[in-house]
Each structure stands twice: as C-alpha cells, then as structure tokens.
N, C-alpha and C. Protein backbone atom coordinates (compact mmCIF):
# COMPACT_ATOMS: atom_id res chain seq x y z
N ASN A 1 5.70 16.78 8.17
CA ASN A 1 5.14 15.82 8.44
C ASN A 1 3.51 15.24 8.95
N ILE A 2 2.47 15.33 8.34
CA ILE A 2 1.49 14.36 8.99
C ILE A 2 1.42 13.33 9.75
N SER A 3 0.90 12.63 10.66
CA SER A 3 1.01 11.47 10.84
C SER A 3 0.04 10.94 10.54
N ALA A 4 0.19 9.35 10.07
CA ALA A 4 -1.02 8.64 9.54
C ALA A 4 -1.15 7.04 10.13
N GLU A 5 -0.73 7.76 11.24
CA GLU A 5 -1.24 6.26 13.04
C GLU A 5 -2.62 6.64 13.31
N ASP A 6 -3.01 6.81 12.58
CA ASP A 6 -4.73 7.33 13.81
C ASP A 6 -5.54 7.63 12.32
N MET A 7 -5.88 6.57 10.23
CA MET A 7 -6.40 6.99 9.63
C MET A 7 -5.96 5.55 9.56
N GLU A 8 -6.94 5.80 8.47
CA GLU A 8 -7.31 4.32 7.45
C GLU A 8 -6.41 4.54 6.35
N ILE A 9 -6.02 3.38 5.67
CA ILE A 9 -5.25 3.04 4.48
C ILE A 9 -5.87 1.83 3.88
N ARG A 10 -5.76 2.55 3.11
CA ARG A 10 -6.62 1.26 2.55
C ARG A 10 -5.62 0.65 0.68
N TRP A 11 -5.88 -0.13 0.72
CA TRP A 11 -4.34 -0.82 -1.27
C TRP A 11 -5.59 -1.30 -1.15
N PHE A 12 -5.73 -1.03 -2.17
CA PHE A 12 -6.78 -1.88 -3.34
C PHE A 12 -6.71 -2.32 -4.90
N ARG A 13 -6.88 -3.43 -5.30
CA ARG A 13 -6.71 -3.13 -6.93
C ARG A 13 -7.66 -2.54 -7.64
N GLU A 14 -8.99 -3.48 -7.67
CA GLU A 14 -10.44 -2.56 -8.42
C GLU A 14 -10.62 -2.36 -7.43
N ASP A 15 -11.56 -3.33 -6.49
CA ASP A 15 -12.85 -3.24 -5.41
C ASP A 15 -12.24 -2.13 -4.78
N PRO A 16 -12.57 -1.89 -3.88
CA PRO A 16 -11.85 -1.23 -2.54
C PRO A 16 -12.84 -1.79 -0.69
N THR A 17 -13.67 -2.13 -1.41
CA THR A 17 -14.24 -3.52 -0.79
C THR A 17 -12.97 -4.77 -0.58
N ALA A 18 -11.55 -5.03 -1.10
CA ALA A 18 -11.14 -6.68 -1.20
C ALA A 18 -9.88 -5.40 -1.27
N PRO A 19 -9.18 -5.40 -0.30
CA PRO A 19 -8.05 -4.84 -0.16
C PRO A 19 -7.07 -5.84 -0.06
N VAL A 20 -5.63 -5.24 -0.77
CA VAL A 20 -4.98 -5.57 -0.44
C VAL A 20 -4.32 -5.41 0.53
N CYS A 21 -4.49 -4.36 0.87
CA CYS A 21 -3.81 -4.32 2.76
C CYS A 21 -4.71 -3.20 3.14
N LEU A 22 -5.24 -4.04 4.35
CA LEU A 22 -6.26 -2.62 4.95
C LEU A 22 -6.04 -2.27 6.27
N TYR A 23 -5.20 -0.60 6.76
CA TYR A 23 -4.30 -0.33 8.27
C TYR A 23 -5.71 0.69 8.72
N TRP A 24 -6.87 0.10 9.59
CA TRP A 24 -7.94 0.61 9.96
C TRP A 24 -7.49 1.39 11.53
N TYR A 25 -7.63 2.98 11.05
CA TYR A 25 -7.83 3.63 12.22
C TYR A 25 -6.69 2.72 13.66
N GLY A 26 -4.56 2.05 13.62
CA GLY A 26 -4.29 1.90 14.57
C GLY A 26 -4.34 0.56 14.65
N ARG A 27 -4.85 0.12 13.16
CA ARG A 27 -4.66 -1.37 13.17
C ARG A 27 -4.66 -2.16 12.11
N TYR A 28 -4.17 -3.54 11.38
CA TYR A 28 -4.39 -4.05 10.53
C TYR A 28 -5.73 -4.99 10.22
N SER A 29 -6.42 -5.06 9.67
CA SER A 29 -7.57 -5.89 8.66
C SER A 29 -7.51 -6.98 8.37
N ILE A 30 -6.61 -8.04 8.89
CA ILE A 30 -6.29 -8.75 7.97
C ILE A 30 -7.69 -10.00 7.28
N ASP A 31 -8.46 -10.10 8.35
CA ASP A 31 -10.01 -10.68 7.69
C ASP A 31 -10.17 -10.16 6.71
N ARG A 32 -9.81 -8.32 6.38
CA ARG A 32 -10.95 -8.55 4.82
C ARG A 32 -10.12 -7.65 4.10
N GLN A 33 -8.56 -8.35 4.44
CA GLN A 33 -7.79 -8.96 3.04
C GLN A 33 -7.50 -9.83 1.88
N MET A 34 -7.54 -9.38 1.30
CA MET A 34 -6.81 -10.57 -0.08
C MET A 34 -6.66 -11.62 0.06
N PRO A 35 -7.07 -12.69 -0.01
CA PRO A 35 -6.18 -14.01 0.63
C PRO A 35 -5.30 -14.29 -0.67
N SER A 36 -4.97 -13.76 -1.73
CA SER A 36 -4.02 -13.89 -2.20
C SER A 36 -2.57 -12.45 -1.57
N TYR A 37 -2.98 -12.23 -0.58
CA TYR A 37 -2.15 -10.98 -0.57
C TYR A 37 -1.84 -11.20 1.55
N ARG A 38 -2.12 -12.16 1.50
CA ARG A 38 -1.74 -12.18 2.97
C ARG A 38 -0.65 -12.68 3.14
N GLY A 39 0.39 -11.77 4.41
CA GLY A 39 1.27 -12.16 4.25
C GLY A 39 2.52 -11.69 3.38
N ARG A 40 2.07 -10.95 1.86
CA ARG A 40 2.80 -10.37 0.92
C ARG A 40 2.80 -8.90 1.02
N ALA A 41 2.02 -8.66 1.72
CA ALA A 41 1.70 -6.65 1.72
C ALA A 41 1.21 -6.28 2.84
N GLU A 42 1.57 -5.73 3.29
CA GLU A 42 2.12 -5.18 4.70
C GLU A 42 2.44 -3.08 4.17
N ILE A 43 2.38 -2.81 5.11
CA ILE A 43 2.46 -1.46 5.25
C ILE A 43 3.81 -1.13 6.11
N PHE A 44 4.10 0.17 6.22
CA PHE A 44 5.48 -0.39 7.02
C PHE A 44 4.65 0.25 9.02
N PRO A 45 4.41 -0.15 9.59
CA PRO A 45 2.97 0.63 10.85
C PRO A 45 4.72 1.16 11.51
N GLU A 46 6.47 1.53 11.84
CA GLU A 46 6.87 2.43 12.30
C GLU A 46 7.11 3.35 11.54
N GLU A 47 6.94 3.30 10.32
CA GLU A 47 6.42 4.83 9.51
C GLU A 47 5.56 5.24 9.22
N LEU A 48 4.09 5.37 10.20
CA LEU A 48 3.20 5.46 9.58
C LEU A 48 3.13 7.82 10.87
N LYS A 49 4.12 7.59 11.92
CA LYS A 49 4.24 8.83 12.22
C LYS A 49 4.95 10.15 11.68
N ASN A 50 5.59 9.41 10.29
CA ASN A 50 6.12 10.09 9.79
C ASN A 50 5.52 10.63 8.08
N GLY A 51 4.26 10.19 8.05
CA GLY A 51 3.16 10.00 7.20
C GLY A 51 3.43 8.69 5.67
N ASN A 52 4.26 7.99 6.00
CA ASN A 52 4.88 6.90 4.90
C ASN A 52 3.68 6.03 5.16
N VAL A 53 3.34 5.60 3.84
CA VAL A 53 1.42 4.88 3.62
C VAL A 53 2.26 3.83 2.68
N SER A 54 3.41 3.75 2.11
CA SER A 54 3.58 3.10 1.38
C SER A 54 3.76 1.50 1.40
N LEU A 55 3.55 1.07 0.79
CA LEU A 55 3.14 -0.81 0.16
C LEU A 55 4.47 -1.41 0.08
N ARG A 56 4.60 -2.26 0.89
CA ARG A 56 6.03 -3.27 0.61
C ARG A 56 4.77 -4.50 0.36
N LEU A 57 4.76 -4.82 -1.34
CA LEU A 57 5.16 -6.19 -1.46
C LEU A 57 5.72 -7.51 -1.68
N ARG A 58 5.76 -8.57 -0.57
CA ARG A 58 6.78 -9.42 -0.97
C ARG A 58 6.27 -10.61 -1.66
N ASP A 59 7.73 -11.32 -2.41
CA ASP A 59 7.32 -12.80 -3.29
C ASP A 59 6.52 -11.91 -4.72
N VAL A 60 6.71 -11.36 -5.57
CA VAL A 60 5.79 -10.60 -5.81
C VAL A 60 5.97 -11.63 -7.23
N GLN A 61 4.77 -11.51 -7.66
CA GLN A 61 4.12 -12.19 -9.00
C GLN A 61 3.49 -11.65 -10.60
N TYR A 62 3.67 -12.28 -11.25
CA TYR A 62 4.13 -11.35 -12.35
C TYR A 62 1.64 -10.97 -12.21
N SER A 63 1.08 -11.35 -11.81
CA SER A 63 -0.08 -11.51 -11.66
C SER A 63 -0.59 -10.12 -10.96
N ASP A 64 0.33 -9.88 -10.66
CA ASP A 64 1.10 -8.80 -9.42
C ASP A 64 1.10 -7.15 -10.53
N TYR A 65 0.98 -7.47 -11.95
CA TYR A 65 1.81 -6.57 -12.31
C TYR A 65 -0.19 -5.59 -12.89
N GLY A 66 0.25 -4.92 -12.83
CA GLY A 66 -1.16 -3.55 -13.35
C GLY A 66 -1.06 -2.34 -11.66
N LYS A 67 -2.15 -1.54 -12.01
CA LYS A 67 -3.12 -0.78 -11.01
C LYS A 67 -2.83 -1.17 -9.58
N PHE A 68 -2.34 -0.21 -8.56
CA PHE A 68 -2.81 -0.31 -7.14
C PHE A 68 -2.98 0.88 -7.00
N LYS A 69 -4.29 0.96 -6.54
CA LYS A 69 -4.66 1.93 -5.65
C LYS A 69 -4.42 2.09 -4.02
N CYS A 70 -4.55 3.98 -3.17
CA CYS A 70 -4.27 3.64 -2.72
C CYS A 70 -5.22 5.05 -2.10
N MET A 71 -6.29 5.03 -0.88
CA MET A 71 -6.72 5.45 -0.48
C MET A 71 -6.43 5.74 1.33
N VAL A 72 -6.62 7.07 1.79
CA VAL A 72 -6.09 7.46 2.95
C VAL A 72 -7.39 8.28 3.70
N VAL A 73 -7.83 8.29 4.51
CA VAL A 73 -9.09 8.91 5.05
C VAL A 73 -8.69 8.76 6.75
N SER A 74 -8.49 10.29 7.14
CA SER A 74 -8.87 10.78 8.08
C SER A 74 -10.65 11.81 8.90
N GLU A 75 -10.26 11.82 9.83
CA GLU A 75 -11.98 12.16 10.64
C GLU A 75 -11.48 13.69 9.34
N GLN A 76 -10.26 14.37 9.23
CA GLN A 76 -10.60 15.95 8.46
C GLN A 76 -10.37 16.16 7.17
N TRP A 77 -9.91 15.06 6.61
CA TRP A 77 -9.48 15.34 5.52
C TRP A 77 -9.22 13.43 4.43
N ASP A 78 -9.26 13.88 3.18
CA ASP A 78 -9.54 12.13 2.83
C ASP A 78 -8.33 11.65 1.67
N ASP A 79 -7.21 11.41 0.85
CA ASP A 79 -6.94 11.59 -0.26
C ASP A 79 -6.85 10.38 -1.31
N ASP A 80 -6.03 10.23 -1.97
CA ASP A 80 -6.33 8.54 -2.77
C ASP A 80 -4.43 9.25 -4.43
N THR A 81 -4.46 7.87 -4.25
CA THR A 81 -4.04 8.05 -5.48
C THR A 81 -3.85 6.25 -5.93
N HIS A 82 -2.98 6.31 -7.27
CA HIS A 82 -2.38 4.84 -7.51
C HIS A 82 -1.14 4.95 -8.12
N ILE A 83 -0.42 3.91 -8.02
CA ILE A 83 1.16 3.48 -8.69
C ILE A 83 0.77 2.56 -9.36
N ASP A 84 1.45 2.09 -10.53
CA ASP A 84 1.32 1.21 -11.98
C ASP A 84 2.47 0.12 -11.34
N VAL A 85 2.00 -1.04 -11.42
CA VAL A 85 3.21 -1.52 -10.60
C VAL A 85 3.17 -2.20 -11.82
N VAL A 86 4.79 -2.67 -12.66
CA VAL A 86 5.52 -3.09 -13.90
C VAL A 86 6.67 -4.31 -12.81
N VAL A 87 6.33 -5.33 -13.60
CA VAL A 87 7.06 -6.90 -13.34
C VAL A 87 8.43 -6.83 -14.14
N ARG A 88 8.86 -6.93 -14.07
CA ARG A 88 10.51 -6.24 -15.41
C ARG A 88 11.28 -7.74 -14.73
N GLY A 89 12.78 -8.31 -14.57
CA GLY A 89 13.77 -9.08 -14.40
C GLY A 89 13.62 -8.99 -13.27
N GLU A 90 14.15 -8.70 -12.17
CA GLU A 90 14.36 -8.54 -10.62
C GLU A 90 14.47 -7.72 -9.97
N CYS A 91 13.58 -6.27 -10.53
CA CYS A 91 13.81 -6.10 -9.28
C CYS A 91 11.99 -5.20 -9.98
N LEU A 92 11.90 -4.77 -8.84
CA LEU A 92 10.02 -3.92 -8.71
C LEU A 92 10.69 -2.62 -8.88
N ILE A 93 10.14 -1.88 -9.17
CA ILE A 93 10.79 -0.26 -8.38
C ILE A 93 9.57 0.03 -8.27
N ASN A 94 8.81 0.94 -7.20
CA ASN A 94 7.40 1.55 -7.43
C ASN A 94 7.75 2.95 -6.12
N ALA A 95 6.35 4.25 -7.07
CA ALA A 95 6.74 5.37 -6.08
C ALA A 95 5.19 5.50 -5.86
N LEU A 96 5.47 6.19 -4.47
CA LEU A 96 3.74 6.82 -4.29
C LEU A 96 4.26 8.00 -3.86
N SER A 97 3.04 8.72 -4.42
CA SER A 97 2.87 10.00 -3.60
C SER A 97 1.80 10.87 -2.91
N ILE A 98 1.64 11.10 -1.92
CA ILE A 98 0.20 11.34 -0.92
C ILE A 98 0.20 12.57 -0.50
N GLY A 99 -0.43 13.79 -1.23
CA GLY A 99 -0.10 15.54 -0.46
C GLY A 99 1.17 15.62 -0.49
N ASN A 100 1.60 15.62 1.03
CA ASN A 100 2.88 16.21 1.08
C ASN A 100 3.65 14.77 1.79
N ILE A 101 2.85 14.13 1.15
CA ILE A 101 3.93 12.40 1.95
C ILE A 101 4.45 11.88 0.39
N SER A 102 6.03 11.27 0.99
CA SER A 102 6.01 11.01 -0.71
C SER A 102 7.44 9.39 -0.55
N GLN A 103 7.20 8.87 -1.40
CA GLN A 103 8.40 7.14 -1.16
C GLN A 103 8.75 7.03 -1.59
N PHE A 104 10.02 5.78 -1.92
CA PHE A 104 10.45 5.45 -2.99
C PHE A 104 10.67 4.24 -2.71
N THR A 105 10.34 3.10 -2.61
CA THR A 105 10.58 1.83 -2.07
C THR A 105 11.26 1.33 -3.16
N LYS A 106 12.50 0.21 -3.59
CA LYS A 106 13.26 -0.77 -4.47
C LYS A 106 12.27 -1.79 -3.83
N THR A 107 12.04 -3.26 -3.75
CA THR A 107 11.83 -4.44 -3.98
C THR A 107 12.63 -5.24 -4.90
N ASN A 108 13.22 -6.58 -4.49
CA ASN A 108 13.41 -7.52 -5.16
C ASN A 108 12.56 -8.57 -5.49
N SER A 109 12.12 -9.07 -6.61
CA SER A 109 11.82 -10.41 -7.18
C SER A 109 12.50 -10.97 -7.69
N ASN A 110 11.54 -12.09 -8.29
CA ASN A 110 12.42 -12.88 -9.28
C ASN A 110 11.45 -13.25 -10.52
N TYR A 111 10.55 -11.87 -10.43
CA TYR A 111 10.06 -12.23 -12.42
C TYR A 111 10.73 -10.82 -12.77
C-alpha cells in the first residue's frame, strides 16, 4: 500500500479552491473548507497510512447529490478521480478508487 499521510488530499465539488475537505501534508485545513461542509466532511486520518483517502460525509442533504472530485498530490505523483453521489431513501453508498487505492463506504442518511 501507498501511504497518503504526507500528501495533499483535496475533495471538492466544482471549484478546487473551495474544498469540501482538504488534508494538506499532515493536517486538516478547516479554514479553507466550504462552510456548508464544516463538521460534515472528513477523511479517515487513521487510514491514510494504508492509502485510504475516502471521504466520510455526515448528515447527508439532498444538496449533496452530484459529483465529488478527489485530487491526491505528492512530490512524486498526482492522481484524481470522482464519485457520483446519489441521495435516495435512507442510505448513501459511495465507492472510490485511485490507482491501487480502493475503498467502499456506506453511510446512513435521512434522505
């Protein structure tokens, strides 16, 4: 596995300069996070050593429906991908795959 602990992990919707979640080489950058995602969007810091850069989205809202993009950058390489979030019923399921990194996450929702 490739560790993602010393990388930039940027989750965003349309604008990369307005991140949903930003992990910057060892720390969260909450001050640059979109206000509507503060306290709702995070990665799994304990899983970065395993290369897991999955996004956890809490209190899912209908406005979360749509594309989320993830950009991972290190000194040696960079990669990006996206997921399409569909909000239905009581469950949100998302899948992420970046290079050798793959993760499946299921989060309960009221939407």
